[in-house]
PDB file of N, CA and C in Angstrom:
ATOM      1  N   MET A   1      80.598 133.357 116.667  1.00  0.00           N
ATOM      2  CA  MET A   1      81.123 133.255 118.002  1.00  0.00           C
ATOM      3  C   MET A   1      82.103 132.098 118.159  1.00  0.00           C
ATOM      4  N   SER A   2      82.495 131.491 117.044  1.00  0.00           N
ATOM      5  CA  SER A   2      83.411 130.358 117.145  1.00  0.00           C
ATOM      6  C   SER A   2      84.795 130.778 117.631  1.00  0.00           C
ATOM      7  N   PHE A   3      85.132 132.068 117.501  1.00  0.00           N
ATOM      8  CA  PHE A   3      86.447 132.516 117.954  1.00  0.00           C
ATOM      9  C   PHE A   3      86.568 132.445 119.474  1.00  0.00           C
ATOM     10  N   LEU A   4      85.447 132.388 120.174  1.00  0.00           N
ATOM     11  CA  LEU A   4      85.479 132.283 121.631  1.00  0.00           C
ATOM     12  C   LEU A   4      85.780 130.867 122.094  1.00  0.00           C
ATOM     13  N   MET A   5      85.586 129.900 121.216  1.00  0.00           N
ATOM     14  CA  MET A   5      85.759 128.499 121.591  1.00  0.00           C
ATOM     15  C   MET A   5      87.201 128.027 121.438  1.00  0.00           C
ATOM     16  N   GLY A   6      88.054 128.794 120.858  1.00  0.00           N
ATOM     17  CA  GLY A   6      89.443 128.399 120.699  1.00  0.00           C
ATOM     18  C   GLY A   6      89.720 127.860 119.304  1.00  0.00           C
ATOM     19  N   PRO A   7      90.962 127.486 119.048  1.00  0.00           N
ATOM     20  CA  PRO A   7      91.322 127.006 117.709  1.00  0.00           C
ATOM     21  C   PRO A   7      90.740 125.616 117.423  1.00  0.00           C
ATOM     22  N   LYS A   8      90.535 125.345 116.144  1.00  0.00           N
ATOM     23  CA  LYS A   8      90.038 124.029 115.736  1.00  0.00           C
ATOM     24  C   LYS A   8      91.138 122.988 115.871  1.00  0.00           C
ATOM     25  N   ARG A   9      90.728 121.781 116.209  1.00  0.00           N
ATOM     26  CA  ARG A   9      91.700 120.686 116.272  1.00  0.00           C
ATOM     27  C   ARG A   9      91.984 120.205 114.864  1.00  0.00           C
ATOM     28  N   LYS A  10      93.238 119.967 114.570  1.00  0.00           N
ATOM     29  CA  LYS A  10      93.612 119.461 113.258  1.00  0.00           C
ATOM     30  C   LYS A  10      93.636 117.940 113.295  1.00  0.00           C
ATOM     31  N   ARG A  11      93.163 117.353 112.216  1.00  0.00           N
ATOM     32  CA  ARG A  11      93.180 115.892 112.120  1.00  0.00           C
ATOM     33  C   ARG A  11      94.535 115.424 111.634  1.00  0.00           C
ATOM     34  N   LYS A  12      94.961 114.296 112.173  1.00  0.00           N
ATOM     35  CA  LYS A  12      96.205 113.697 111.698  1.00  0.00           C
ATOM     36  C   LYS A  12      95.941 113.018 110.367  1.00  0.00           C
ATOM     37  N   ARG A  13      96.846 113.187 109.447  1.00  0.00           N
ATOM     38  CA  ARG A  13      96.712 112.496 108.169  1.00  0.00           C
ATOM     39  C   ARG A  13      97.226 111.082 108.315  1.00  0.00           C
ATOM     40  N   ARG A  14      96.455 110.154 107.802  1.00  0.00           N
ATOM     41  CA  ARG A  14      96.874 108.763 107.827  1.00  0.00           C
ATOM     42  C   ARG A  14      97.797 108.496 106.651  1.00  0.00           C
ATOM     43  N   PRO A  15      98.797 107.668 106.851  1.00  0.00           N
ATOM     44  CA  PRO A  15      99.617 107.290 105.696  1.00  0.00           C
ATOM     45  C   PRO A  15      98.781 106.432 104.750  1.00  0.00           C
ATOM     46  N   PRO A  16      99.035 106.521 103.461  1.00  0.00           N
ATOM     47  CA  PRO A  16      98.231 105.717 102.527  1.00  0.00           C
ATOM     48  C   PRO A  16      98.462 104.227 102.761  1.00  0.00           C
ATOM     49  N   PRO A  17      97.405 103.437 102.772  1.00  0.00           N
ATOM     50  CA  PRO A  17      97.577 101.993 102.973  1.00  0.00           C
ATOM     51  C   PRO A  17      98.287 101.363 101.788  1.00  0.00           C
ATOM     52  N   GLU A  18      99.055 100.348 102.063  1.00  0.00           N
ATOM     53  CA  GLU A  18      99.795  99.661 101.013  1.00  0.00           C
ATOM     54  C   GLU A  18      99.371  98.204 100.976  1.00  0.00           C
ATOM     55  N   ARG A  19      99.485  97.623  99.810  1.00  0.00           N
ATOM     56  CA  ARG A  19      99.131  96.221  99.629  1.00  0.00           C
ATOM     57  C   ARG A  19     100.367  95.495  99.107  1.00  0.00           C
ATOM     58  N   ALA A  20     100.558  94.277  99.551  1.00  0.00           N
ATOM     59  CA  ALA A  20     101.687  93.473  99.100  1.00  0.00           C
ATOM     60  C   ALA A  20     101.325  92.764  97.793  1.00  0.00           C
ATOM     61  N   CYS A  21     102.294  92.660  96.914  1.00  0.00           N
ATOM     62  CA  CYS A  21     102.107  91.970  95.640  1.00  0.00           C
ATOM     63  C   CYS A  21     101.832  90.495  95.905  1.00  0.00           C
ATOM     64  N   LEU A  22     100.893  89.930  95.168  1.00  0.00           N
ATOM     65  CA  LEU A  22     100.552  88.520  95.351  1.00  0.00           C
ATOM     66  C   LEU A  22     101.663  87.591  94.861  1.00  0.00           C
ATOM     67  N   ALA A  23     102.473  88.051  93.916  1.00  0.00           N
ATOM     68  CA  ALA A  23     103.480  87.179  93.331  1.00  0.00           C
ATOM     69  C   ALA A  23     104.810  87.217  94.073  1.00  0.00           C
ATOM     70  N   CYS A  24     105.263  88.419  94.451  1.00  0.00           N
ATOM     71  CA  CYS A  24     106.602  88.507  95.040  1.00  0.00           C
ATOM     72  C   CYS A  24     106.619  89.101  96.442  1.00  0.00           C
ATOM     73  N   GLY A  25     105.522  89.689  96.885  1.00  0.00           N
ATOM     74  CA  GLY A  25     105.460  90.245  98.229  1.00  0.00           C
ATOM     75  C   GLY A  25     105.934  91.676  98.343  1.00  0.00           C
ATOM     76  N   ALA A  26     106.380  92.293  97.247  1.00  0.00           N
ATOM     77  CA  ALA A  26     106.801  93.687  97.287  1.00  0.00           C
ATOM     78  C   ALA A  26     105.572  94.579  97.447  1.00  0.00           C
ATOM     79  N   SER A  27     105.780  95.788  97.914  1.00  0.00           N
ATOM     80  CA  SER A  27     104.665  96.709  98.097  1.00  0.00           C
ATOM     81  C   SER A  27     104.213  97.258  96.749  1.00  0.00           C
ATOM     82  N   THR A  28     102.904  97.341  96.544  1.00  0.00           N
ATOM     83  CA  THR A  28     102.372  97.885  95.296  1.00  0.00           C
ATOM     84  C   THR A  28     102.119  99.377  95.403  1.00  0.00           C
ATOM     85  N   PHE A  29     102.209  99.958  96.602  1.00  0.00           N
ATOM     86  CA  PHE A  29     101.975 101.379  96.856  1.00  0.00           C
ATOM     87  C   PHE A  29     100.586 101.816  96.408  1.00  0.00           C
ATOM     88  N   SER A  30      99.655 100.899  96.421  1.00  0.00           N
ATOM     89  CA  SER A  30      98.283 101.213  96.032  1.00  0.00           C
ATOM     90  C   SER A  30      97.352 100.186  96.654  1.00  0.00           C
ATOM     91  N   THR A  31      96.107 100.587  96.858  1.00  0.00           N
ATOM     92  CA  THR A  31      95.155  99.648  97.427  1.00  0.00           C
ATOM     93  C   THR A  31      94.373  98.919  96.356  1.00  0.00           C
ATOM     94  N   TRP A  32      94.395  99.392  95.137  1.00  0.00           N
ATOM     95  CA  TRP A  32      93.589  98.757  94.092  1.00  0.00           C
ATOM     96  C   TRP A  32      94.411  97.862  93.182  1.00  0.00           C
ATOM     97  N   LYS A  33      95.730  97.819  93.364  1.00  0.00           N
ATOM     98  CA  LYS A  33      96.570  96.944  92.549  1.00  0.00           C
ATOM     99  C   LYS A  33      96.960  95.714  93.359  1.00  0.00           C
ATOM    100  N   TRP A  34      96.880  94.546  92.741  1.00  0.00           N
ATOM    101  CA  TRP A  34      97.238  93.307  93.423  1.00  0.00           C
ATOM    102  C   TRP A  34      98.607  92.799  92.999  1.00  0.00           C
ATOM    103  N   LEU A  35      99.169  93.316  91.903  1.00  0.00           N
ATOM    104  CA  LEU A  35     100.493  92.935  91.437  1.00  0.00           C
ATOM    105  C   LEU A  35     101.354  94.183  91.317  1.00  0.00           C
ATOM    106  N   CYS A  36     102.622  94.074  91.685  1.00  0.00           N
ATOM    107  CA  CYS A  36     103.520  95.220  91.533  1.00  0.00           C
ATOM    108  C   CYS A  36     103.802  95.432  90.038  1.00  0.00           C
ATOM    109  N   ASP A  37     104.406  96.561  89.716  1.00  0.00           N
ATOM    110  CA  ASP A  37     104.650  96.897  88.318  1.00  0.00           C
ATOM    111  C   ASP A  37     105.588  95.886  87.641  1.00  0.00           C
ATOM    112  N   ARG A  38     106.569  95.399  88.377  1.00  0.00           N
ATOM    113  CA  ARG A  38     107.520  94.438  87.801  1.00  0.00           C
ATOM    114  C   ARG A  38     106.818  93.126  87.444  1.00  0.00           C
ATOM    115  N   CYS A  39     106.013  92.623  88.366  1.00  0.00           N
ATOM    116  CA  CYS A  39     105.306  91.357  88.108  1.00  0.00           C
ATOM    117  C   CYS A  39     104.252  91.538  87.014  1.00  0.00           C
ATOM    118  N   PHE A  40     103.571  92.683  87.009  1.00  0.00           N
ATOM    119  CA  PHE A  40     102.590  92.946  85.966  1.00  0.00           C
ATOM    120  C   PHE A  40     103.272  92.999  84.602  1.00  0.00           C
ATOM    121  N   GLY A  41     104.472  93.555  84.550  1.00  0.00           N
ATOM    122  CA  GLY A  41     105.218  93.622  83.295  1.00  0.00           C
ATOM    123  C   GLY A  41     105.687  92.263  82.815  1.00  0.00           C
ATOM    124  N   ASP A  42     105.876  91.318  83.727  1.00  0.00           N
ATOM    125  CA  ASP A  42     106.324  89.974  83.360  1.00  0.00           C
ATOM    126  C   ASP A  42     105.203  89.102  82.795  1.00  0.00           C
ATOM    127  N   LEU A  43     103.962  89.543  82.914  1.00  0.00           N
ATOM    128  CA  LEU A  43     102.827  88.759  82.426  1.00  0.00           C
ATOM    129  C   LEU A  43     102.731  88.815  80.905  1.00  0.00           C
ATOM    130  N   PRO A  44     102.197  87.762  80.289  1.00  0.00           N
ATOM    131  CA  PRO A  44     101.947  87.814  78.846  1.00  0.00           C
ATOM    132  C   PRO A  44     100.791  88.778  78.545  1.00  0.00           C
ATOM    133  N   PHE A  45     100.708  89.191  77.292  1.00  0.00           N
ATOM    134  CA  PHE A  45      99.742  90.203  76.889  1.00  0.00           C
ATOM    135  C   PHE A  45      98.308  89.826  77.241  1.00  0.00           C
ATOM    136  N   ALA A  46      97.922  88.578  77.019  1.00  0.00           N
ATOM    137  CA  ALA A  46      96.536  88.163  77.259  1.00  0.00           C
ATOM    138  C   ALA A  46      96.141  88.345  78.725  1.00  0.00           C
ATOM    139  N   ARG A  47      97.033  88.011  79.646  1.00  0.00           N
ATOM    140  CA  ARG A  47      96.720  88.170  81.077  1.00  0.00           C
ATOM    141  C   ARG A  47      96.657  89.645  81.463  1.00  0.00           C
ATOM    142  N   LYS A  48      97.582  90.458  80.926  1.00  0.00           N
ATOM    143  CA  LYS A  48      97.538  91.897  81.194  1.00  0.00           C
ATOM    144  C   LYS A  48      96.223  92.488  80.706  1.00  0.00           C
ATOM    145  N   LYS A  49      95.823  92.101  79.499  1.00  0.00           N
ATOM    146  CA  LYS A  49      94.593  92.639  78.918  1.00  0.00           C
ATOM    147  C   LYS A  49      93.375  92.241  79.740  1.00  0.00           C
ATOM    148  N   ALA A  50      93.358  91.020  80.259  1.00  0.00           N
ATOM    149  CA  ALA A  50      92.233  90.574  81.083  1.00  0.00           C
ATOM    150  C   ALA A  50      92.131  91.409  82.364  1.00  0.00           C
ATOM    151  N   ILE A  51      93.262  91.697  82.985  1.00  0.00           N
ATOM    152  CA  ILE A  51      93.261  92.514  84.204  1.00  0.00           C
ATOM    153  C   ILE A  51      92.808  93.934  83.887  1.00  0.00           C
ATOM    154  N   ILE A  52      93.326  94.494  82.802  1.00  0.00           N
ATOM    155  CA  ILE A  52      92.961  95.866  82.425  1.00  0.00           C
ATOM    156  C   ILE A  52      91.478  95.959  82.084  1.00  0.00           C
ATOM    157  N   ASP A  53      90.947  94.975  81.388  1.00  0.00           N
ATOM    158  CA  ASP A  53      89.519  94.988  81.054  1.00  0.00           C
ATOM    159  C   ASP A  53      88.648  94.882  82.310  1.00  0.00           C
ATOM    160  N   ALA A  54      89.071  94.056  83.272  1.00  0.00           N
ATOM    161  CA  ALA A  54      88.309  93.933  84.517  1.00  0.00           C
ATOM    162  C   ALA A  54      88.354  95.232  85.313  1.00  0.00           C
ATOM    163  N   ARG A  55      89.504  95.920  85.295  1.00  0.00           N
ATOM    164  CA  ARG A  55      89.589  97.221  85.965  1.00  0.00           C
ATOM    165  C   ARG A  55      88.676  98.234  85.293  1.00  0.00           C
ATOM    166  N   ALA A  56      88.630  98.196  83.962  1.00  0.00           N
ATOM    167  CA  ALA A  56      87.789  99.137  83.228  1.00  0.00           C
ATOM    168  C   ALA A  56      86.305  98.905  83.527  1.00  0.00           C
ATOM    169  N   GLU A  57      85.926  97.658  83.738  1.00  0.00           N
ATOM    170  CA  GLU A  57      84.542  97.329  84.079  1.00  0.00           C
ATOM    171  C   GLU A  57      84.239  97.570  85.551  1.00  0.00           C
ATOM    172  N   ARG A  58      85.249  97.955  86.313  1.00  0.00           N
ATOM    173  CA  ARG A  58      85.120  98.193  87.757  1.00  0.00           C
ATOM    174  C   ARG A  58      84.576  96.966  88.478  1.00  0.00           C
ATOM    175  N   ALA A  59      85.229  95.841  88.207  1.00  0.00           N
ATOM    176  CA  ALA A  59      84.851  94.573  88.829  1.00  0.00           C
ATOM    177  C   ALA A  59      86.014  94.092  89.699  1.00  0.00           C
ATOM    178  N   PRO A  60      86.109  94.567  90.951  1.00  0.00           N
ATOM    179  CA  PRO A  60      87.265  94.220  91.784  1.00  0.00           C
ATOM    180  C   PRO A  60      87.380  92.733  92.071  1.00  0.00           C
ATOM    181  N   HIS A  61      86.264  92.013  92.120  1.00  0.00           N
ATOM    182  CA  HIS A  61      86.336  90.570  92.371  1.00  0.00           C
ATOM    183  C   HIS A  61      87.007  89.858  91.196  1.00  0.00           C
ATOM    184  N   ARG A  62      86.761  90.310  89.978  1.00  0.00           N
ATOM    185  CA  ARG A  62      87.417  89.713  88.807  1.00  0.00           C
ATOM    186  C   ARG A  62      88.895  90.087  88.761  1.00  0.00           C
ATOM    187  N   VAL A  63      89.214  91.339  89.100  1.00  0.00           N
ATOM    188  CA  VAL A  63      90.615  91.772  89.113  1.00  0.00           C
ATOM    189  C   VAL A  63      91.405  90.920  90.092  1.00  0.00           C
ATOM    190  N   PHE A  64      90.837  90.695  91.293  1.00  0.00           N
ATOM    191  CA  PHE A  64      91.530  89.878  92.283  1.00  0.00           C
ATOM    192  C   PHE A  64      91.707  88.450  91.794  1.00  0.00           C
ATOM    193  N   GLY A  65      90.661  87.857  91.231  1.00  0.00           N
ATOM    194  CA  GLY A  65      90.742  86.472  90.762  1.00  0.00           C
ATOM    195  C   GLY A  65      91.773  86.297  89.655  1.00  0.00           C
ATOM    196  N   ILE A  66      91.751  87.194  88.690  1.00  0.00           N
ATOM    197  CA  ILE A  66      92.712  87.105  87.579  1.00  0.00           C
ATOM    198  C   ILE A  66      94.120  87.353  88.091  1.00  0.00           C
ATOM    199  N   SER A  67      94.278  88.322  88.995  1.00  0.00           N
ATOM    200  CA  SER A  67      95.605  88.626  89.550  1.00  0.00           C
ATOM    201  C   SER A  67      96.144  87.455  90.363  1.00  0.00           C
ATOM    202  N   ARG A  68      95.269  86.807  91.136  1.00  0.00           N
ATOM    203  CA  ARG A  68      95.697  85.655  91.936  1.00  0.00           C
ATOM    204  C   ARG A  68      96.161  84.514  91.029  1.00  0.00           C
ATOM    205  N   ASP A  69      95.385  84.235  89.976  1.00  0.00           N
ATOM    206  CA  ASP A  69      95.765  83.188  89.032  1.00  0.00           C
ATOM    207  C   ASP A  69      97.071  83.541  88.314  1.00  0.00           C
ATOM    208  N   SER A  70      97.224  84.801  87.973  1.00  0.00           N
ATOM    209  CA  SER A  70      98.448  85.246  87.301  1.00  0.00           C
ATOM    210  C   SER A  70      99.650  85.145  88.229  1.00  0.00           C
ATOM    211  N   ALA A  71      99.456  85.441  89.511  1.00  0.00           N
ATOM    212  CA  ALA A  71     100.551  85.336  90.475  1.00  0.00           C
ATOM    213  C   ALA A  71     100.995  83.880  90.622  1.00  0.00           C
ATOM    214  N   GLU A  72     100.032  82.952  90.652  1.00  0.00           N
ATOM    215  CA  GLU A  72     100.390  81.533  90.714  1.00  0.00           C
ATOM    216  C   GLU A  72     101.140  81.112  89.458  1.00  0.00           C
ATOM    217  N   TRP A  73     100.681  81.594  88.311  1.00  0.00           N
ATOM    218  CA  TRP A  73     101.347  81.271  87.046  1.00  0.00           C
ATOM    219  C   TRP A  73     102.768  81.825  87.032  1.00  0.00           C
ATOM    220  N   LEU A  74     102.940  83.063  87.507  1.00  0.00           N
ATOM    221  CA  LEU A  74     104.280  83.662  87.568  1.00  0.00           C
ATOM    222  C   LEU A  74     105.203  82.866  88.481  1.00  0.00           C
ATOM    223  N   ALA A  75     104.688  82.425  89.620  1.00  0.00           N
ATOM    224  CA  ALA A  75     105.508  81.638  90.545  1.00  0.00           C
ATOM    225  C   ALA A  75     105.963  80.339  89.891  1.00  0.00           C
ATOM    226  N   GLU A  76     105.065  79.676  89.160  1.00  0.00           N
ATOM    227  CA  GLU A  76     105.435  78.447  88.453  1.00  0.00           C
ATOM    228  C   GLU A  76     106.502  78.721  87.396  1.00  0.00           C
ATOM    229  N   GLN A  77     106.342  79.805  86.647  1.00  0.00           N
ATOM    230  CA  GLN A  77     107.313  80.141  85.601  1.00  0.00           C
ATOM    231  C   GLN A  77     108.676  80.451  86.189  1.00  0.00           C
ATOM    232  N   ARG A  78     108.687  81.159  87.302  1.00  0.00           N
ATOM    233  CA  ARG A  78     109.964  81.497  87.940  1.00  0.00           C
ATOM    234  C   ARG A  78     110.651  80.262  88.500  1.00  0.00           C
ATOM    235  N   LEU A  79     109.875  79.304  89.023  1.00  0.00           N
ATOM    236  CA  LEU A  79     110.466  78.056  89.506  1.00  0.00           C
ATOM    237  C   LEU A  79     111.062  77.251  88.348  1.00  0.00           C
ATOM    238  N   LYS A  80     110.349  77.217  87.213  1.00  0.00           N
ATOM    239  CA  LYS A  80     110.870  76.507  86.049  1.00  0.00           C
ATOM    240  C   LYS A  80     112.159  77.131  85.559  1.00  0.00           C
ATOM    241  N   ARG A  81     112.231  78.458  85.603  1.00  0.00           N
ATOM    242  CA  ARG A  81     113.437  79.165  85.168  1.00  0.00           C
ATOM    243  C   ARG A  81     114.626  78.852  86.080  1.00  0.00           C
ATOM    244  N   VAL A  82     114.360  78.746  87.375  1.00  0.00           N
ATOM    245  CA  VAL A  82     115.430  78.451  88.334  1.00  0.00           C
ATOM    246  C   VAL A  82     115.889  77.017  88.209  1.00  0.00           C
ATOM    247  N   GLU A  83     114.949  76.090  88.043  1.00  0.00           N
ATOM    248  CA  GLU A  83     115.285  74.657  87.974  1.00  0.00           C
ATOM    249  C   GLU A  83     115.958  74.274  86.684  1.00  0.00           C
ATOM    250  N   GLY A  84     115.523  74.870  85.601  1.00  0.00           N
ATOM    251  CA  GLY A  84     116.045  74.343  84.362  1.00  0.00           C
ATOM    252  C   GLY A  84     116.483  75.349  83.403  1.00  0.00           C
TER     253      GLY A  84
END
């Protein structure tokens, strides 16, 4: 008897949430990434591997901590490059 009640209401789709990169402020287009692809690519292998291992272990608190430290390190490196 649902046809007597009229058409169903459609839900509005929400746009996907975006997160800003910790290092440069660009959008990461994802909620689980803390660094954009460009900044992640600028990291040395050891830092990339630490982030990837933390993601594999599904430890978001570790991913955030390592990403935050890496963003600070990237900012320092970029300042050194500009100054000297």
